[in-house]
């Protein structure tokens, strides 16, 4: 763990490990609301993960935050990856919206302890658009990897996953202010 600044969360740097990452917009402003910005952010996330050979498994982008689930290559690259994502996307957001600085508040990371913990976080990620009231049905929210998993694994697989790991409903993340 490394904690450089008093108000920043501690970050884990673990090689070849699953990571659940959340990035949040400063003051929870809805700066990610436009599809153009969401598309840019996703492309930037993919590019930055690929540059450091991290695997991006799943993701969701909402209007004021995002969640990612991936696998690290070199854990020490985490801060640089997220820093670059936030720098590039902040520049783009400011060019689109003339938004005041700062754009990003912070990021939080968590390494799931086991398969159960991983799937609880994955279900939480998938369910986030429903939790925050964007949609009633996950199929209606386009900015999530849910659709590719649904296509690849099928409805029955996902229904079983949600049934087998229901703890996502009670998961409270510090970064969500809960």
N, C-alpha and C. Protein backbone atom coordinates (compact mmCIF):
# COMPACT_ATOMS: atom_id res chain seq x y z
N UNK A 1 0.83 -1.18 0.00
CA UNK A 1 0.00 0.00 0.00
C UNK A 1 0.87 1.24 0.00
N UNK A 2 0.35 2.29 -0.61
CA UNK A 2 1.07 3.54 -0.68
C UNK A 2 0.06 4.66 -0.49
N UNK A 3 0.37 5.57 0.43
CA UNK A 3 -0.50 6.72 0.66
C UNK A 3 0.38 7.95 0.72
N UNK A 4 0.36 8.75 -0.36
CA UNK A 4 1.23 9.92 -0.44
C UNK A 4 0.57 11.17 0.13
N UNK A 5 -0.74 11.30 -0.01
CA UNK A 5 -1.43 12.51 0.42
C UNK A 5 -2.49 12.14 1.44
N UNK A 6 -2.67 12.99 2.44
CA UNK A 6 -3.57 12.72 3.55
C UNK A 6 -5.00 12.39 3.11
N UNK A 7 -5.54 13.07 2.11
CA UNK A 7 -6.93 12.90 1.73
C UNK A 7 -7.14 11.91 0.58
N UNK A 8 -6.08 11.29 0.13
CA UNK A 8 -6.20 10.28 -0.92
C UNK A 8 -6.36 8.91 -0.30
N UNK A 9 -7.13 8.04 -0.93
CA UNK A 9 -7.22 6.68 -0.42
C UNK A 9 -5.90 5.94 -0.63
N UNK A 10 -5.64 4.95 0.21
CA UNK A 10 -4.47 4.09 0.01
C UNK A 10 -4.71 3.24 -1.23
N UNK A 11 -3.67 2.98 -1.99
CA UNK A 11 -3.81 2.17 -3.20
C UNK A 11 -2.93 0.94 -3.09
N UNK A 12 -3.45 -0.16 -3.59
CA UNK A 12 -2.70 -1.42 -3.62
C UNK A 12 -2.00 -1.53 -4.97
N UNK A 13 -0.80 -2.07 -4.96
CA UNK A 13 -0.07 -2.30 -6.20
C UNK A 13 0.32 -3.77 -6.23
N UNK A 14 -0.50 -4.59 -6.89
CA UNK A 14 -0.31 -6.03 -6.92
C UNK A 14 -0.24 -6.49 -8.38
N UNK A 15 0.74 -7.29 -8.70
CA UNK A 15 0.88 -7.81 -10.06
C UNK A 15 -0.08 -8.97 -10.31
N UNK A 16 -0.55 -9.07 -11.56
CA UNK A 16 -1.38 -10.19 -12.01
C UNK A 16 -2.54 -10.47 -11.06
N UNK A 17 -3.29 -9.43 -10.77
CA UNK A 17 -4.34 -9.49 -9.77
C UNK A 17 -5.60 -8.81 -10.30
N UNK A 18 -6.78 -9.31 -9.94
CA UNK A 18 -7.99 -8.58 -10.32
C UNK A 18 -8.09 -7.26 -9.55
N UNK A 19 -8.58 -6.24 -10.22
CA UNK A 19 -8.79 -4.92 -9.63
C UNK A 19 -10.20 -4.45 -9.93
N UNK A 20 -10.85 -3.91 -8.92
CA UNK A 20 -12.12 -3.19 -9.07
C UNK A 20 -11.77 -1.73 -8.83
N UNK A 21 -12.00 -0.88 -9.83
CA UNK A 21 -11.58 0.52 -9.78
C UNK A 21 -12.79 1.42 -9.99
N UNK A 22 -12.87 2.47 -9.19
CA UNK A 22 -13.91 3.47 -9.34
C UNK A 22 -13.26 4.84 -9.50
N UNK A 23 -13.70 5.59 -10.49
CA UNK A 23 -13.27 6.97 -10.67
C UNK A 23 -14.48 7.87 -10.54
N UNK A 24 -14.33 8.99 -9.85
CA UNK A 24 -15.46 9.85 -9.56
C UNK A 24 -15.18 11.30 -9.96
N UNK A 25 -16.18 11.92 -10.54
CA UNK A 25 -16.11 13.33 -10.91
C UNK A 25 -16.21 14.19 -9.65
N UNK A 26 -15.42 15.25 -9.62
CA UNK A 26 -15.41 16.18 -8.49
C UNK A 26 -16.80 16.76 -8.26
N UNK A 27 -17.25 16.73 -7.02
CA UNK A 27 -18.55 17.22 -6.59
C UNK A 27 -19.72 16.52 -7.28
N UNK A 28 -19.46 15.32 -7.79
CA UNK A 28 -20.50 14.48 -8.43
C UNK A 28 -21.27 15.22 -9.52
N UNK A 29 -20.57 16.12 -10.22
CA UNK A 29 -21.20 16.82 -11.35
C UNK A 29 -21.42 15.82 -12.48
N UNK A 30 -22.48 15.99 -13.24
CA UNK A 30 -22.83 15.06 -14.32
C UNK A 30 -22.05 15.40 -15.59
N UNK A 31 -20.74 15.44 -15.49
CA UNK A 31 -19.91 15.84 -16.64
C UNK A 31 -19.75 14.74 -17.68
N UNK A 32 -20.12 13.51 -17.32
CA UNK A 32 -19.99 12.39 -18.27
C UNK A 32 -21.32 12.09 -18.95
N UNK A 33 -22.25 13.01 -18.87
CA UNK A 33 -23.61 12.77 -19.35
C UNK A 33 -23.70 12.53 -20.86
N UNK A 34 -22.91 13.23 -21.64
CA UNK A 34 -23.04 13.11 -23.10
C UNK A 34 -22.43 11.80 -23.61
N UNK A 35 -23.05 11.27 -24.65
CA UNK A 35 -22.55 10.03 -25.27
C UNK A 35 -21.15 10.24 -25.84
N UNK A 36 -20.89 11.42 -26.37
CA UNK A 36 -19.57 11.72 -26.93
C UNK A 36 -18.49 11.62 -25.86
N UNK A 37 -18.77 12.15 -24.69
CA UNK A 37 -17.81 12.09 -23.59
C UNK A 37 -17.66 10.67 -23.08
N UNK A 38 -18.76 9.95 -22.95
CA UNK A 38 -18.68 8.55 -22.51
C UNK A 38 -17.86 7.72 -23.51
N UNK A 39 -18.10 7.93 -24.79
CA UNK A 39 -17.34 7.21 -25.82
C UNK A 39 -15.84 7.52 -25.72
N UNK A 40 -15.53 8.79 -25.54
CA UNK A 40 -14.12 9.19 -25.42
C UNK A 40 -13.50 8.57 -24.17
N UNK A 41 -14.20 8.63 -23.05
CA UNK A 41 -13.68 8.05 -21.81
C UNK A 41 -13.42 6.56 -21.98
N UNK A 42 -14.36 5.83 -22.55
CA UNK A 42 -14.17 4.39 -22.74
C UNK A 42 -12.98 4.10 -23.66
N UNK A 43 -12.87 4.82 -24.74
CA UNK A 43 -11.73 4.63 -25.65
C UNK A 43 -10.41 4.91 -24.93
N UNK A 44 -10.40 5.93 -24.09
CA UNK A 44 -9.20 6.30 -23.34
C UNK A 44 -8.86 5.22 -22.31
N UNK A 45 -9.86 4.72 -21.62
CA UNK A 45 -9.64 3.63 -20.65
C UNK A 45 -9.04 2.42 -21.37
N UNK A 46 -9.64 2.04 -22.48
CA UNK A 46 -9.13 0.88 -23.23
C UNK A 46 -7.69 1.10 -23.68
N UNK A 47 -7.41 2.28 -24.21
CA UNK A 47 -6.07 2.59 -24.70
C UNK A 47 -5.06 2.54 -23.56
N UNK A 48 -5.38 3.15 -22.43
CA UNK A 48 -4.43 3.21 -21.31
C UNK A 48 -4.21 1.83 -20.68
N UNK A 49 -5.24 1.02 -20.60
CA UNK A 49 -5.07 -0.35 -20.11
C UNK A 49 -4.19 -1.14 -21.06
N UNK A 50 -4.47 -1.02 -22.36
CA UNK A 50 -3.71 -1.77 -23.37
C UNK A 50 -2.23 -1.37 -23.37
N UNK A 51 -1.96 -0.08 -23.22
CA UNK A 51 -0.57 0.39 -23.23
C UNK A 51 0.27 -0.27 -22.15
N UNK A 52 -0.33 -0.61 -21.03
CA UNK A 52 0.39 -1.22 -19.91
C UNK A 52 0.09 -2.72 -19.77
N UNK A 53 -0.54 -3.28 -20.80
CA UNK A 53 -0.86 -4.71 -20.85
C UNK A 53 -1.76 -5.16 -19.70
N UNK A 54 -2.61 -4.25 -19.23
CA UNK A 54 -3.65 -4.62 -18.27
C UNK A 54 -4.86 -5.11 -19.06
N UNK A 55 -5.59 -6.04 -18.51
CA UNK A 55 -6.78 -6.59 -19.15
C UNK A 55 -8.02 -5.91 -18.59
N UNK A 56 -8.80 -5.26 -19.44
CA UNK A 56 -10.07 -4.66 -19.03
C UNK A 56 -11.16 -5.69 -19.26
N UNK A 57 -11.69 -6.24 -18.18
CA UNK A 57 -12.74 -7.26 -18.30
C UNK A 57 -14.12 -6.64 -18.42
N UNK A 58 -14.48 -5.77 -17.48
CA UNK A 58 -15.83 -5.21 -17.45
C UNK A 58 -15.79 -3.76 -17.02
N UNK A 59 -16.84 -3.02 -17.38
CA UNK A 59 -16.87 -1.59 -17.13
C UNK A 59 -18.30 -1.07 -17.17
N UNK A 60 -18.51 0.05 -16.52
CA UNK A 60 -19.75 0.80 -16.63
C UNK A 60 -19.38 2.28 -16.47
N UNK A 61 -19.99 3.13 -17.29
CA UNK A 61 -19.77 4.57 -17.19
C UNK A 61 -21.12 5.23 -16.96
N UNK A 62 -21.23 5.95 -15.84
CA UNK A 62 -22.43 6.70 -15.52
C UNK A 62 -22.13 8.20 -15.70
N UNK A 63 -23.04 9.06 -15.31
CA UNK A 63 -22.87 10.48 -15.58
C UNK A 63 -21.84 11.17 -14.69
N UNK A 64 -21.53 10.56 -13.53
CA UNK A 64 -20.58 11.20 -12.62
C UNK A 64 -19.50 10.27 -12.07
N UNK A 65 -19.48 9.04 -12.53
CA UNK A 65 -18.44 8.10 -12.11
C UNK A 65 -18.40 6.90 -13.04
N UNK A 66 -17.37 6.08 -12.86
CA UNK A 66 -17.26 4.83 -13.61
C UNK A 66 -16.75 3.75 -12.67
N UNK A 67 -16.99 2.50 -13.06
CA UNK A 67 -16.43 1.33 -12.38
C UNK A 67 -15.76 0.46 -13.44
N UNK A 68 -14.61 -0.10 -13.09
CA UNK A 68 -13.87 -0.99 -13.98
C UNK A 68 -13.51 -2.26 -13.22
N UNK A 69 -13.49 -3.38 -13.91
CA UNK A 69 -12.95 -4.62 -13.38
C UNK A 69 -11.94 -5.13 -14.39
N UNK A 70 -10.72 -5.31 -13.94
CA UNK A 70 -9.67 -5.76 -14.84
C UNK A 70 -8.63 -6.57 -14.10
N UNK A 71 -7.61 -6.95 -14.84
CA UNK A 71 -6.50 -7.73 -14.29
C UNK A 71 -5.22 -6.94 -14.52
N UNK A 72 -4.46 -6.77 -13.46
CA UNK A 72 -3.21 -6.02 -13.56
C UNK A 72 -2.14 -6.86 -14.25
N UNK A 73 -1.22 -6.19 -14.85
CA UNK A 73 0.03 -6.80 -15.31
C UNK A 73 1.07 -6.45 -14.25
N UNK A 74 1.44 -5.19 -14.19
CA UNK A 74 2.34 -4.68 -13.17
C UNK A 74 1.53 -3.72 -12.29
N UNK A 75 1.30 -4.10 -11.05
CA UNK A 75 0.48 -3.30 -10.15
C UNK A 75 0.97 -1.88 -9.97
N UNK A 76 2.27 -1.68 -10.07
CA UNK A 76 2.85 -0.34 -9.90
C UNK A 76 2.38 0.63 -11.00
N UNK A 77 1.81 0.10 -12.09
CA UNK A 77 1.33 0.95 -13.18
C UNK A 77 -0.03 1.58 -12.91
N UNK A 78 -0.70 1.16 -11.85
CA UNK A 78 -2.07 1.61 -11.59
C UNK A 78 -2.20 3.13 -11.56
N UNK A 79 -1.41 3.80 -10.75
CA UNK A 79 -1.53 5.26 -10.63
C UNK A 79 -1.29 5.96 -11.97
N UNK A 80 -0.32 5.48 -12.73
CA UNK A 80 -0.04 6.08 -14.03
C UNK A 80 -1.18 5.87 -15.02
N UNK A 81 -1.76 4.68 -15.00
CA UNK A 81 -2.89 4.38 -15.89
C UNK A 81 -4.06 5.31 -15.59
N UNK A 82 -4.46 5.35 -14.32
CA UNK A 82 -5.62 6.18 -13.96
C UNK A 82 -5.28 7.66 -14.13
N UNK A 83 -4.06 8.04 -13.79
CA UNK A 83 -3.66 9.44 -13.99
C UNK A 83 -3.78 9.86 -15.44
N UNK A 84 -3.34 9.00 -16.34
CA UNK A 84 -3.43 9.33 -17.77
C UNK A 84 -4.88 9.36 -18.25
N UNK A 85 -5.68 8.39 -17.81
CA UNK A 85 -7.11 8.38 -18.16
C UNK A 85 -7.76 9.69 -17.72
N UNK A 86 -7.50 10.08 -16.48
CA UNK A 86 -8.12 11.29 -15.95
C UNK A 86 -7.58 12.56 -16.61
N UNK A 87 -6.29 12.60 -16.90
CA UNK A 87 -5.72 13.78 -17.55
C UNK A 87 -6.31 13.96 -18.95
N UNK A 88 -6.28 12.90 -19.76
CA UNK A 88 -6.78 13.00 -21.13
C UNK A 88 -8.28 13.28 -21.17
N UNK A 89 -9.03 12.59 -20.34
CA UNK A 89 -10.48 12.79 -20.37
C UNK A 89 -10.86 14.15 -19.79
N UNK A 90 -10.13 14.64 -18.79
CA UNK A 90 -10.41 15.97 -18.25
C UNK A 90 -10.20 17.04 -19.32
N UNK A 91 -9.13 16.89 -20.06
CA UNK A 91 -8.85 17.84 -21.15
C UNK A 91 -10.00 17.82 -22.17
N UNK A 92 -10.46 16.62 -22.52
CA UNK A 92 -11.55 16.49 -23.49
C UNK A 92 -12.86 17.06 -22.92
N UNK A 93 -13.16 16.74 -21.68
CA UNK A 93 -14.39 17.24 -21.04
C UNK A 93 -14.38 18.76 -21.01
N UNK A 94 -13.25 19.35 -20.63
CA UNK A 94 -13.17 20.81 -20.60
C UNK A 94 -13.36 21.40 -22.00
N UNK A 95 -12.84 20.74 -23.02
CA UNK A 95 -13.00 21.25 -24.38
C UNK A 95 -14.45 21.16 -24.85
N UNK A 96 -15.18 20.18 -24.34
CA UNK A 96 -16.58 19.99 -24.73
C UNK A 96 -17.54 20.85 -23.92
N UNK A 97 -17.24 21.03 -22.64
CA UNK A 97 -18.21 21.65 -21.73
C UNK A 97 -17.75 22.96 -21.10
N UNK A 98 -16.50 23.31 -21.30
CA UNK A 98 -15.93 24.46 -20.60
C UNK A 98 -16.15 24.33 -19.09
N UNK A 99 -16.02 23.12 -18.59
CA UNK A 99 -16.23 22.82 -17.17
C UNK A 99 -15.09 23.37 -16.33
N UNK A 100 -15.42 23.77 -15.14
CA UNK A 100 -14.42 24.27 -14.20
C UNK A 100 -13.55 23.12 -13.70
N UNK A 101 -12.30 23.45 -13.38
CA UNK A 101 -11.40 22.48 -12.77
C UNK A 101 -11.72 22.40 -11.29
N UNK A 102 -11.44 21.32 -10.61
CA UNK A 102 -10.98 20.06 -11.16
C UNK A 102 -12.14 19.26 -11.76
N UNK A 103 -11.79 18.36 -12.64
CA UNK A 103 -12.79 17.47 -13.24
C UNK A 103 -12.96 16.22 -12.39
N UNK A 104 -11.87 15.53 -12.13
CA UNK A 104 -11.91 14.27 -11.37
C UNK A 104 -11.64 14.52 -9.90
N UNK A 105 -12.33 13.78 -9.06
CA UNK A 105 -12.12 13.88 -7.63
C UNK A 105 -11.01 12.94 -7.19
N UNK A 106 -11.18 11.66 -7.51
CA UNK A 106 -10.22 10.67 -7.05
C UNK A 106 -10.53 9.34 -7.72
N UNK A 107 -9.75 8.35 -7.37
CA UNK A 107 -10.09 6.98 -7.75
C UNK A 107 -9.83 6.07 -6.57
N UNK A 108 -10.58 4.98 -6.55
CA UNK A 108 -10.46 3.98 -5.50
C UNK A 108 -10.22 2.64 -6.17
N UNK A 109 -9.40 1.82 -5.55
CA UNK A 109 -9.17 0.49 -6.10
C UNK A 109 -9.32 -0.54 -4.99
N UNK A 110 -9.69 -1.72 -5.42
CA UNK A 110 -9.92 -2.82 -4.49
C UNK A 110 -9.56 -4.10 -5.21
N UNK A 111 -8.83 -4.98 -4.55
CA UNK A 111 -8.50 -6.28 -5.13
C UNK A 111 -9.40 -7.35 -4.51
N UNK A 112 -10.34 -7.88 -5.29
CA UNK A 112 -11.21 -8.92 -4.74
C UNK A 112 -10.40 -10.08 -4.17
N UNK A 113 -10.84 -10.58 -3.01
CA UNK A 113 -10.10 -11.61 -2.27
C UNK A 113 -10.24 -13.00 -2.87
N UNK A 114 -11.37 -13.26 -3.50
CA UNK A 114 -11.62 -14.60 -4.04
C UNK A 114 -12.68 -14.49 -5.13
N UNK A 115 -13.07 -15.63 -5.68
CA UNK A 115 -14.04 -15.64 -6.78
C UNK A 115 -15.37 -15.01 -6.36
N UNK A 116 -15.85 -15.34 -5.16
CA UNK A 116 -17.12 -14.80 -4.68
C UNK A 116 -17.05 -13.27 -4.61
N UNK A 117 -16.00 -12.76 -4.01
CA UNK A 117 -15.81 -11.32 -3.89
C UNK A 117 -15.77 -10.66 -5.27
N UNK A 118 -15.10 -11.30 -6.22
CA UNK A 118 -15.01 -10.79 -7.59
C UNK A 118 -16.41 -10.68 -8.21
N UNK A 119 -17.21 -11.75 -8.10
CA UNK A 119 -18.53 -11.74 -8.73
C UNK A 119 -19.51 -10.81 -8.04
N UNK A 120 -19.35 -10.60 -6.75
CA UNK A 120 -20.17 -9.61 -6.05
C UNK A 120 -19.89 -8.23 -6.64
N UNK A 121 -18.62 -7.91 -6.82
CA UNK A 121 -18.24 -6.62 -7.41
C UNK A 121 -18.71 -6.52 -8.87
N UNK A 122 -18.59 -7.61 -9.62
CA UNK A 122 -19.04 -7.60 -11.01
C UNK A 122 -20.54 -7.35 -11.08
N UNK A 123 -21.31 -8.02 -10.25
CA UNK A 123 -22.77 -7.80 -10.23
C UNK A 123 -23.09 -6.37 -9.81
N UNK A 124 -22.33 -5.83 -8.86
CA UNK A 124 -22.51 -4.45 -8.45
C UNK A 124 -22.27 -3.51 -9.64
N UNK A 125 -21.19 -3.74 -10.36
CA UNK A 125 -20.85 -2.94 -11.54
C UNK A 125 -21.98 -3.01 -12.55
N UNK A 126 -22.43 -4.23 -12.89
CA UNK A 126 -23.50 -4.37 -13.88
C UNK A 126 -24.78 -3.68 -13.42
N UNK A 127 -25.10 -3.79 -12.14
CA UNK A 127 -26.37 -3.27 -11.61
C UNK A 127 -26.34 -1.75 -11.37
N UNK A 128 -25.20 -1.12 -11.48
CA UNK A 128 -25.07 0.30 -11.14
C UNK A 128 -26.06 1.21 -11.86
N UNK A 129 -26.33 1.03 -13.16
CA UNK A 129 -27.31 1.90 -13.82
C UNK A 129 -28.72 1.76 -13.23
N UNK A 130 -29.06 0.58 -12.75
CA UNK A 130 -30.36 0.37 -12.10
C UNK A 130 -30.33 1.01 -10.71
N UNK A 131 -29.27 0.76 -9.97
CA UNK A 131 -29.12 1.31 -8.62
C UNK A 131 -29.26 2.83 -8.61
N UNK A 132 -28.68 3.49 -9.60
CA UNK A 132 -28.70 4.95 -9.65
C UNK A 132 -29.90 5.51 -10.41
N UNK A 133 -30.83 4.64 -10.84
CA UNK A 133 -32.08 5.09 -11.44
C UNK A 133 -32.00 5.49 -12.90
N UNK A 134 -30.95 5.08 -13.60
CA UNK A 134 -30.85 5.40 -15.02
C UNK A 134 -31.85 4.58 -15.85
N UNK A 135 -31.98 3.31 -15.49
CA UNK A 135 -32.87 2.39 -16.20
C UNK A 135 -33.45 1.39 -15.20
N UNK A 136 -34.52 0.72 -15.61
CA UNK A 136 -35.10 -0.35 -14.79
C UNK A 136 -34.58 -1.71 -15.26
N UNK A 137 -34.11 -1.77 -16.51
CA UNK A 137 -33.61 -3.02 -17.10
C UNK A 137 -32.20 -2.78 -17.64
N UNK A 138 -31.26 -3.59 -17.21
CA UNK A 138 -29.86 -3.43 -17.61
C UNK A 138 -29.67 -3.41 -19.13
N UNK A 139 -30.52 -4.12 -19.84
CA UNK A 139 -30.40 -4.16 -21.30
C UNK A 139 -30.61 -2.78 -21.93
N UNK A 140 -31.22 -1.86 -21.19
CA UNK A 140 -31.51 -0.53 -21.73
C UNK A 140 -30.41 0.49 -21.45
N UNK A 141 -29.32 0.08 -20.81
CA UNK A 141 -28.23 1.01 -20.54
C UNK A 141 -27.04 0.66 -21.42
N UNK A 142 -26.70 1.52 -22.38
CA UNK A 142 -25.67 1.15 -23.36
C UNK A 142 -24.22 1.26 -22.89
N UNK A 143 -23.94 2.01 -21.84
CA UNK A 143 -22.54 2.26 -21.46
C UNK A 143 -22.07 1.30 -20.37
N UNK A 144 -22.08 0.02 -20.74
CA UNK A 144 -21.69 -1.04 -19.82
C UNK A 144 -21.26 -2.25 -20.64
N UNK A 145 -20.34 -3.01 -20.08
CA UNK A 145 -19.93 -4.26 -20.74
C UNK A 145 -20.98 -5.36 -20.56
N UNK A 146 -22.05 -5.06 -19.85
CA UNK A 146 -23.13 -6.04 -19.63
C UNK A 146 -23.58 -6.65 -20.95
N UNK A 147 -23.70 -5.82 -21.99
CA UNK A 147 -24.22 -6.30 -23.28
C UNK A 147 -23.31 -7.36 -23.91
N UNK A 148 -22.01 -7.17 -23.84
CA UNK A 148 -21.11 -8.16 -24.43
C UNK A 148 -21.12 -9.45 -23.62
N UNK A 149 -21.27 -9.35 -22.31
CA UNK A 149 -21.35 -10.56 -21.48
C UNK A 149 -22.67 -11.27 -21.74
N UNK A 150 -23.74 -10.52 -21.87
CA UNK A 150 -25.05 -11.11 -22.19
C UNK A 150 -24.98 -11.86 -23.51
N UNK A 151 -24.37 -11.25 -24.50
CA UNK A 151 -24.25 -11.87 -25.82
C UNK A 151 -23.38 -13.13 -25.77
N UNK A 152 -22.28 -13.04 -25.03
CA UNK A 152 -21.32 -14.13 -24.96
C UNK A 152 -21.80 -15.28 -24.06
N UNK A 153 -22.33 -14.94 -22.88
CA UNK A 153 -22.68 -15.95 -21.89
C UNK A 153 -24.15 -16.35 -21.90
N UNK A 154 -25.02 -15.44 -22.31
CA UNK A 154 -26.44 -15.71 -22.34
C UNK A 154 -27.18 -15.26 -21.09
N UNK A 155 -28.47 -15.11 -21.25
CA UNK A 155 -29.33 -14.62 -20.18
C UNK A 155 -29.33 -15.56 -18.97
N UNK A 156 -29.43 -16.86 -19.22
CA UNK A 156 -29.50 -17.82 -18.12
C UNK A 156 -28.23 -17.79 -17.27
N UNK A 157 -27.09 -17.67 -17.91
CA UNK A 157 -25.82 -17.59 -17.19
C UNK A 157 -25.81 -16.37 -16.27
N UNK A 158 -26.19 -15.21 -16.81
CA UNK A 158 -26.19 -13.99 -16.01
C UNK A 158 -27.24 -14.05 -14.90
N UNK A 159 -28.41 -14.60 -15.20
CA UNK A 159 -29.44 -14.73 -14.16
C UNK A 159 -28.91 -15.59 -13.01
N UNK A 160 -28.22 -16.67 -13.33
CA UNK A 160 -27.63 -17.53 -12.30
C UNK A 160 -26.54 -16.79 -11.53
N UNK A 161 -25.75 -16.01 -12.22
CA UNK A 161 -24.69 -15.23 -11.57
C UNK A 161 -25.28 -14.26 -10.55
N UNK A 162 -26.34 -13.55 -10.93
CA UNK A 162 -26.98 -12.61 -10.00
C UNK A 162 -27.63 -13.34 -8.83
N UNK A 163 -28.17 -14.52 -9.11
CA UNK A 163 -28.80 -15.32 -8.04
C UNK A 163 -27.76 -15.88 -7.08
N UNK A 164 -26.64 -16.34 -7.61
CA UNK A 164 -25.60 -16.96 -6.80
C UNK A 164 -24.80 -15.95 -5.97
N UNK A 165 -24.71 -14.71 -6.43
CA UNK A 165 -23.94 -13.67 -5.74
C UNK A 165 -24.82 -12.44 -5.48
N UNK A 166 -25.86 -12.59 -4.64
CA UNK A 166 -26.81 -11.49 -4.42
C UNK A 166 -26.29 -10.38 -3.50
N UNK A 167 -25.13 -10.57 -2.90
CA UNK A 167 -24.62 -9.59 -1.94
C UNK A 167 -24.34 -8.23 -2.57
N UNK A 168 -24.29 -8.17 -3.90
CA UNK A 168 -24.06 -6.90 -4.57
C UNK A 168 -25.12 -5.87 -4.17
N UNK A 169 -26.32 -6.34 -3.84
CA UNK A 169 -27.42 -5.44 -3.47
C UNK A 169 -27.12 -4.68 -2.18
N UNK A 170 -26.33 -5.27 -1.31
CA UNK A 170 -26.02 -4.66 -0.01
C UNK A 170 -24.63 -4.05 0.04
N UNK A 171 -23.92 -4.09 -1.06
CA UNK A 171 -22.56 -3.58 -1.09
C UNK A 171 -22.59 -2.05 -1.02
N UNK A 172 -21.90 -1.51 -0.03
CA UNK A 172 -21.79 -0.06 0.13
C UNK A 172 -20.34 0.32 -0.06
N UNK A 173 -20.08 1.14 -1.05
CA UNK A 173 -18.73 1.58 -1.32
C UNK A 173 -18.51 2.97 -0.74
N UNK A 174 -17.41 3.14 -0.06
CA UNK A 174 -17.06 4.43 0.55
C UNK A 174 -17.08 5.55 -0.47
N UNK A 175 -16.60 5.25 -1.68
CA UNK A 175 -16.51 6.28 -2.72
C UNK A 175 -17.87 6.72 -3.23
N UNK A 176 -18.91 5.93 -2.97
CA UNK A 176 -20.26 6.31 -3.37
C UNK A 176 -20.92 7.20 -2.31
N UNK A 177 -20.23 7.42 -1.18
CA UNK A 177 -20.77 8.26 -0.14
C UNK A 177 -21.88 7.57 0.64
N UNK A 178 -21.86 6.26 0.64
CA UNK A 178 -22.91 5.50 1.35
C UNK A 178 -22.42 5.06 2.70
